[in-house]
Amino acid sequence: MTVLILTSEQDVTADMVVVHLNASGVPVVRLDPADLTGGVALSGEYVHGAFRGHLWSAGRLVSMDGLRSVWIRRPGTPATRVPEPSDWLTEESSQALYGMLRSLDVHWMNHPDASRRARHKPWQLRLAQRSGLPVPATLITTFPQAARDFADRFPDLVVKPVSGAHPQEPPRAVPTSRVAPGTDFAAVAFGPTLLQRRVTKQADIRLTVVGERMLAARKPVPPDADPDEVDVRFAASNGPWQQTAVPPRIADGVRTYLREAELSYGAFDFAEDGDGTWWFLECNQSGQFGFVEVDTGQPIARTIAEWLARPARFPQPVRDAETRVR
């Protein structure tokens, strides 16, 4: 049976997984929904109570009944590479492709409905709280006075976008930034603003969870680091990521989080404070992992390939096989 990967043409993260699938002899079809209806074609037939669906890409025709798993990695917006794209064609193509795939008895990484829900930062924060994960005090507001009151209670704050996106085409990542003392906060009236208590961290944590397996990496913060450099993605290089164990409380909370979110893959970011507490920052349901694998040697790509290739149809409960946490 075949693994279907929905992603853009230039996706090194997906390439790493495809290498392992090819090495194990598992058939793979990789396509970008943006190529509908040019380099990608589809067909679905509903006759006599039965469904037969097919996908065509790169000269290959695959039966949807022959799919064992679908990995939604970084797909483009359907039908945006045609000579005359339109909102109508995008909606029609999206309804056709994802509507057919949703009806299949496959296991997902991750299901499109769960993935869409999991993108919302406010939803993530509340689910993390309910799952027992430590969450820094956070405010999302368009009320300037609410922001001022919050800053009075928590004088050391950072600010970050609610969506994580930058308002340009194509969007860029926006760094988390430290809030300057005496900030007026009048500008929050023009758009939702996320303020969060700054964690005085001794390390950044990236916890990648693939089905049942947790693979954690830690990057220590140098003692002489600039306290205004709060975003590890934009900070000056301070050494490689290192493999680390997952504290039992965090492992339990992450299991609950993924179960409630109905996710089989999640890339969690935590800030570790001086007491060793891991503070939840976010969970990216399609986050990168290549930089962690390169530094630590953890077999993340192989683990994903094995999960996608297994014959079981449904994801199993998450447990920490990597660190043997019970």
Protein backbone atom coordinates (compact mmCIF):
# COMPACT_ATOMS: atom_id res chain seq x y z
CA MET A 1 0.00 0.00 0.00
CA THR A 2 1.06 3.58 -0.71
CA VAL A 3 1.99 6.56 1.47
CA LEU A 4 0.63 9.88 0.20
CA ILE A 5 2.58 13.03 1.09
CA LEU A 6 0.98 16.41 0.47
CA THR A 7 3.66 19.08 0.40
CA SER A 8 5.45 21.62 -1.74
CA GLU A 9 8.04 20.58 -4.30
CA GLN A 10 10.94 22.06 -2.34
CA ASP A 11 10.57 20.56 1.13
CA VAL A 12 13.81 19.19 2.55
CA THR A 13 11.99 17.92 5.64
CA ALA A 14 9.76 15.71 3.49
CA ASP A 15 12.80 14.62 1.46
CA MET A 16 14.39 13.17 4.60
CA VAL A 17 11.34 10.96 5.21
CA VAL A 18 11.01 9.89 1.57
CA VAL A 19 14.59 8.58 1.66
CA HIS A 20 13.64 6.17 4.46
CA LEU A 21 10.40 5.10 2.78
CA ASN A 22 12.23 4.38 -0.47
CA ALA A 23 14.93 2.44 1.37
CA SER A 24 12.30 0.21 2.98
CA GLY A 25 10.50 -0.37 -0.31
CA VAL A 26 7.30 1.43 0.68
CA PRO A 27 5.54 3.04 -2.33
CA VAL A 28 5.26 6.83 -2.02
CA VAL A 29 3.27 9.39 -3.96
CA ARG A 30 4.18 12.99 -3.29
CA LEU A 31 2.14 15.84 -4.69
CA ASP A 32 1.31 19.47 -4.11
CA PRO A 33 -2.40 20.40 -4.22
CA ALA A 34 -1.27 23.71 -5.74
CA ASP A 35 -0.62 21.76 -8.97
CA LEU A 36 -4.29 20.83 -9.41
CA THR A 37 -5.48 20.84 -12.18
CA GLY A 38 -2.24 20.86 -14.17
CA GLY A 39 0.43 18.44 -12.97
CA VAL A 40 -2.03 16.76 -10.60
CA ALA A 41 -5.38 15.20 -11.51
CA LEU A 42 -8.06 13.38 -9.55
CA SER A 43 -11.20 11.34 -10.08
CA GLY A 44 -13.80 9.87 -7.74
CA GLU A 45 -16.74 7.62 -8.63
CA TYR A 46 -19.71 6.92 -6.37
CA VAL A 47 -21.73 4.07 -7.86
CA HIS A 48 -23.88 1.27 -6.37
CA GLY A 49 -22.95 2.23 -2.80
CA ALA A 50 -19.22 2.10 -3.43
CA PHE A 51 -16.48 4.71 -3.90
CA ARG A 52 -13.51 4.45 -6.27
CA GLY A 53 -11.00 7.29 -6.30
CA HIS A 54 -7.74 7.91 -8.17
CA LEU A 55 -4.94 10.47 -8.06
CA TRP A 56 -2.49 11.17 -10.87
CA SER A 57 0.83 12.94 -10.36
CA ALA A 58 4.21 12.89 -12.10
CA GLY A 59 3.04 10.21 -14.52
CA ARG A 60 1.79 7.89 -11.76
CA LEU A 61 -1.79 6.80 -11.16
CA VAL A 62 -2.66 5.62 -7.66
CA SER A 63 -5.92 4.25 -6.31
CA MET A 64 -7.15 5.97 -3.17
CA ASP A 65 -8.18 2.55 -1.87
CA GLY A 66 -4.50 1.67 -2.01
CA LEU A 67 -3.43 4.40 0.43
CA ARG A 68 -2.32 3.36 3.89
CA SER A 69 -1.53 6.82 5.26
CA VAL A 70 -1.61 10.51 4.37
CA TRP A 71 1.00 12.97 5.61
CA ILE A 72 -0.12 16.59 5.33
CA ARG A 73 3.26 18.25 5.54
CA ARG A 74 3.34 21.71 3.88
CA PRO A 75 0.82 21.59 1.01
CA GLY A 76 0.17 24.59 -1.21
CA THR A 77 -3.27 26.11 -1.68
CA PRO A 78 -5.15 23.95 -4.20
CA ALA A 79 -5.16 25.02 -7.86
CA THR A 80 -3.03 28.15 -7.46
CA ARG A 81 -0.52 27.27 -10.19
CA VAL A 82 -3.00 27.12 -13.06
CA PRO A 83 -2.75 29.78 -15.80
CA GLU A 84 -5.88 31.54 -14.51
CA PRO A 85 -6.27 30.86 -10.77
CA SER A 86 -9.43 31.91 -8.99
CA ASP A 87 -11.03 31.64 -5.56
CA TRP A 88 -13.77 29.53 -7.13
CA LEU A 89 -11.33 27.00 -8.62
CA THR A 90 -9.39 26.82 -5.37
CA GLU A 91 -12.56 26.08 -3.41
CA GLU A 92 -13.75 23.49 -5.94
CA SER A 93 -10.36 21.75 -5.97
CA SER A 94 -10.06 21.81 -2.19
CA GLN A 95 -13.55 20.37 -1.75
CA ALA A 96 -12.82 17.61 -4.27
CA LEU A 97 -9.36 16.58 -3.02
CA TYR A 98 -9.79 16.82 0.72
CA GLY A 99 -13.39 15.68 0.57
CA MET A 100 -12.36 12.43 -1.09
CA LEU A 101 -9.38 11.89 1.20
CA ARG A 102 -11.47 12.49 4.31
CA SER A 103 -13.68 9.55 3.37
CA LEU A 104 -10.80 7.05 3.33
CA ASP A 105 -9.91 4.51 6.00
CA VAL A 106 -6.31 5.69 6.44
CA HIS A 107 -4.27 7.03 9.29
CA TRP A 108 -3.34 10.69 9.15
CA MET A 109 -0.37 12.83 10.08
CA ASN A 110 -2.34 14.94 10.78
CA HIS A 111 -6.05 14.86 9.89
CA PRO A 112 -6.91 18.15 8.12
CA ASP A 113 -9.69 19.01 10.57
CA ALA A 114 -7.47 18.42 13.61
CA SER A 115 -4.63 20.28 11.91
CA ARG A 116 -6.72 23.36 11.19
CA ARG A 117 -7.98 23.54 14.77
CA ALA A 118 -4.51 23.01 16.22
CA ARG A 119 -3.09 26.07 14.44
CA HIS A 120 -4.94 28.48 16.73
CA LYS A 121 -2.61 29.78 19.46
CA PRO A 122 -5.38 30.68 21.98
CA TRP A 123 -6.80 27.17 21.62
CA GLN A 124 -3.31 25.70 22.14
CA LEU A 125 -2.77 27.66 25.34
CA ARG A 126 -6.07 26.57 26.87
CA LEU A 127 -5.55 22.94 25.89
CA ALA A 128 -2.05 23.01 27.38
CA GLN A 129 -3.48 24.34 30.64
CA ARG A 130 -6.14 21.62 30.73
CA SER A 131 -3.47 19.01 29.95
CA GLY A 132 -1.44 20.00 32.99
CA LEU A 133 1.41 21.70 31.12
CA PRO A 134 2.88 24.85 32.71
CA VAL A 135 1.86 27.91 30.66
CA PRO A 136 3.34 31.41 31.25
CA ALA A 137 0.80 34.08 32.14
CA THR A 138 -0.59 35.29 28.81
CA LEU A 139 -2.94 38.02 27.60
CA ILE A 140 -4.46 38.40 24.12
CA THR A 141 -6.25 41.71 23.84
CA THR A 142 -7.28 44.75 21.84
CA PHE A 143 -7.93 46.77 25.03
CA PRO A 144 -4.96 49.09 25.78
CA GLN A 145 -5.94 49.36 29.44
CA ALA A 146 -6.04 45.58 29.80
CA ALA A 147 -2.49 45.46 28.41
CA ARG A 148 -1.36 48.17 30.86
CA ASP A 149 -2.92 46.34 33.81
CA PHE A 150 -1.29 43.08 32.71
CA ALA A 151 2.10 44.81 32.46
CA ASP A 152 1.64 46.13 35.99
CA ARG A 153 1.13 42.58 37.25
CA PHE A 154 3.89 41.08 35.09
CA PRO A 155 6.47 43.80 34.40
CA ASP A 156 8.79 41.57 32.33
CA LEU A 157 6.86 40.71 29.15
CA VAL A 158 7.38 39.53 25.60
CA VAL A 159 5.12 40.22 22.64
CA LYS A 160 4.42 37.86 19.75
CA PRO A 161 1.85 37.62 16.93
CA VAL A 162 -1.24 35.55 17.65
CA SER A 163 -0.94 33.74 14.31
CA GLY A 164 2.85 33.72 14.05
CA ALA A 165 2.63 35.22 10.56
CA HIS A 166 3.89 38.49 9.11
CA PRO A 167 1.46 40.59 7.04
CA GLN A 168 3.29 40.34 3.74
CA GLU A 169 3.35 38.06 0.74
CA PRO A 170 4.83 35.55 1.23
CA PRO A 171 4.49 35.70 5.03
CA ARG A 172 7.62 35.63 7.16
CA ALA A 173 8.15 34.48 10.72
CA VAL A 174 7.96 37.28 13.28
CA PRO A 175 10.39 37.06 16.22
CA THR A 176 9.15 37.08 19.78
CA SER A 177 10.38 40.37 21.25
CA ARG A 178 10.85 41.77 24.72
CA VAL A 179 8.49 44.59 25.69
CA ALA A 180 10.34 47.79 26.58
CA PRO A 181 9.70 49.30 30.02
CA GLY A 182 7.16 52.12 29.95
CA THR A 183 5.44 50.92 26.78
CA ASP A 184 2.12 52.76 26.32
CA PHE A 185 0.20 49.86 24.65
CA ALA A 186 -2.15 52.24 22.80
CA ALA A 187 -1.37 50.40 19.54
CA VAL A 188 -2.99 47.16 20.68
CA ALA A 189 -6.36 48.74 19.84
CA PHE A 190 -5.51 48.28 16.15
CA GLY A 191 -5.11 44.50 16.27
CA PRO A 192 -5.08 41.57 18.69
CA THR A 193 -1.81 41.51 20.62
CA LEU A 194 -0.35 38.57 22.54
CA LEU A 195 1.60 39.50 25.67
CA GLN A 196 3.28 36.83 27.75
CA ARG A 197 5.35 36.76 30.92
CA ARG A 198 8.97 36.30 29.93
CA VAL A 199 10.47 33.06 31.20
CA THR A 200 14.03 33.61 32.40
CA LYS A 201 15.23 30.52 30.64
CA GLN A 202 18.34 28.44 30.98
CA ALA A 203 17.54 26.41 27.86
CA ASP A 204 15.20 26.06 24.90
CA ILE A 205 13.43 22.73 24.44
CA ARG A 206 12.10 21.19 21.22
CA LEU A 207 10.06 18.05 21.82
CA THR A 208 9.10 16.18 18.66
CA VAL A 209 6.37 13.58 19.10
CA VAL A 210 5.69 10.98 16.40
CA GLY A 211 2.81 8.69 17.25
CA GLU A 212 4.00 6.82 20.34
CA ARG A 213 7.52 8.20 20.47
CA MET A 214 8.90 11.35 22.11
CA LEU A 215 12.24 12.77 21.02
CA ALA A 216 13.39 15.77 23.02
CA ALA A 217 16.26 18.16 22.35
CA ARG A 218 17.72 20.91 24.53
CA LYS A 219 19.77 23.99 23.65
CA PRO A 220 21.35 25.71 26.67
CA VAL A 221 21.32 29.49 26.87
CA PRO A 222 24.86 30.89 27.38
CA PRO A 223 25.35 32.74 30.69
CA ASP A 224 26.38 35.88 28.78
CA ALA A 225 23.43 35.79 26.35
CA ASP A 226 21.66 39.05 25.58
CA PRO A 227 18.43 39.01 27.68
CA ASP A 228 16.63 40.79 24.83
CA GLU A 229 17.28 37.82 22.51
CA VAL A 230 14.29 35.76 23.61
CA ASP A 231 13.54 33.93 20.33
CA VAL A 232 15.84 30.97 19.72
CA ARG A 233 15.09 31.11 15.98
CA PHE A 234 16.73 34.52 15.69
CA ALA A 235 19.31 34.44 18.49
CA ALA A 236 23.02 34.23 17.79
CA SER A 237 24.22 30.65 17.47
CA ASN A 238 24.96 29.20 20.89
CA GLY A 239 25.92 25.65 20.16
CA PRO A 240 24.05 22.59 18.93
CA TRP A 241 20.85 21.00 20.16
CA GLN A 242 21.48 18.09 22.52
CA GLN A 243 19.33 15.04 23.19
CA THR A 244 17.57 15.16 26.56
CA ALA A 245 15.06 13.19 28.65
CA VAL A 246 11.42 14.21 29.09
CA PRO A 247 10.26 14.96 32.66
CA PRO A 248 7.38 12.66 33.69
CA ARG A 249 4.95 15.53 34.27
CA ILE A 250 5.63 16.93 30.80
CA ALA A 251 5.33 13.50 29.18
CA ASP A 252 1.93 12.97 30.79
CA GLY A 253 0.73 16.43 29.75
CA VAL A 254 1.92 15.99 26.17
CA ARG A 255 0.13 12.65 25.89
CA THR A 256 -3.09 14.30 27.05
CA TYR A 257 -2.58 17.27 24.73
CA LEU A 258 -2.10 15.11 21.63
CA ARG A 259 -4.96 12.81 22.52
CA GLU A 260 -7.36 15.72 23.01
CA ALA A 261 -6.04 17.49 19.89
CA GLU A 262 -6.31 14.25 17.87
CA LEU A 263 -2.79 14.75 16.54
CA SER A 264 -0.32 12.01 15.65
CA TYR A 265 2.56 14.46 15.20
CA GLY A 266 3.48 17.57 17.14
CA ALA A 267 6.58 19.75 17.51
CA PHE A 268 6.42 21.31 20.99
CA ASP A 269 8.45 24.33 22.07
CA PHE A 270 9.20 24.85 25.77
CA ALA A 271 11.34 27.29 27.76
CA GLU A 272 13.23 25.69 30.65
CA ASP A 273 13.66 28.00 33.64
CA GLY A 274 16.31 27.96 36.36
CA ASP A 275 14.33 25.44 38.40
CA GLY A 276 14.18 23.01 35.49
CA THR A 277 10.47 23.63 34.78
CA TRP A 278 9.46 23.31 31.13
CA TRP A 279 7.04 26.13 30.22
CA PHE A 280 4.79 25.45 27.24
CA LEU A 281 5.11 27.99 24.42
CA GLU A 282 3.41 26.32 21.45
CA CYS A 283 2.82 23.12 19.51
CA ASN A 284 3.34 23.21 15.75
CA GLN A 285 1.32 20.41 14.17
CA SER A 286 3.60 20.40 11.09
CA GLY A 287 6.82 21.76 12.57
CA GLN A 288 10.29 21.28 11.15
CA PHE A 289 12.60 18.69 12.65
CA GLY A 290 15.61 18.48 10.34
CA PHE A 291 17.75 20.91 12.36
CA VAL A 292 17.22 18.81 15.49
CA GLU A 293 18.03 15.54 13.74
CA VAL A 294 21.22 16.97 12.25
CA ASP A 295 22.46 18.17 15.66
CA THR A 296 21.35 15.26 17.85
CA GLY A 297 21.31 12.29 15.51
CA GLN A 298 17.82 11.42 16.74
CA PRO A 299 16.03 9.28 14.12
CA ILE A 300 13.04 11.58 13.63
CA ALA A 301 12.72 11.14 9.87
CA ARG A 302 13.00 7.36 10.17
CA THR A 303 10.42 7.32 12.96
CA ILE A 304 7.97 9.28 10.80
CA ALA A 305 8.61 6.93 7.86
CA GLU A 306 7.98 3.89 10.05
CA TRP A 307 4.76 5.41 11.39
CA LEU A 308 3.50 6.21 7.91
CA ALA A 309 4.43 2.75 6.61
CA ARG A 310 2.90 0.59 9.33
CA PRO A 311 -0.18 -1.41 8.40
CA ALA A 312 -2.33 -0.29 11.35
CA ARG A 313 -5.07 2.07 10.23
CA PHE A 314 -5.47 4.15 13.34
CA PRO A 315 -2.95 6.01 15.51
CA GLN A 316 -2.19 4.45 18.88
CA PRO A 317 -2.04 6.28 22.23
CA VAL A 318 1.11 8.33 22.72
CA ARG A 319 3.72 6.95 25.10
CA ASP A 320 7.31 7.93 25.68
CA ALA A 321 9.30 5.07 24.18
CA GLU A 322 12.41 7.21 23.74
CA THR A 323 12.92 8.05 27.42
CA ARG A 324 10.98 5.13 28.90
CA VAL A 325 8.76 7.42 30.96
CA ARG A 326 5.77 5.52 32.37
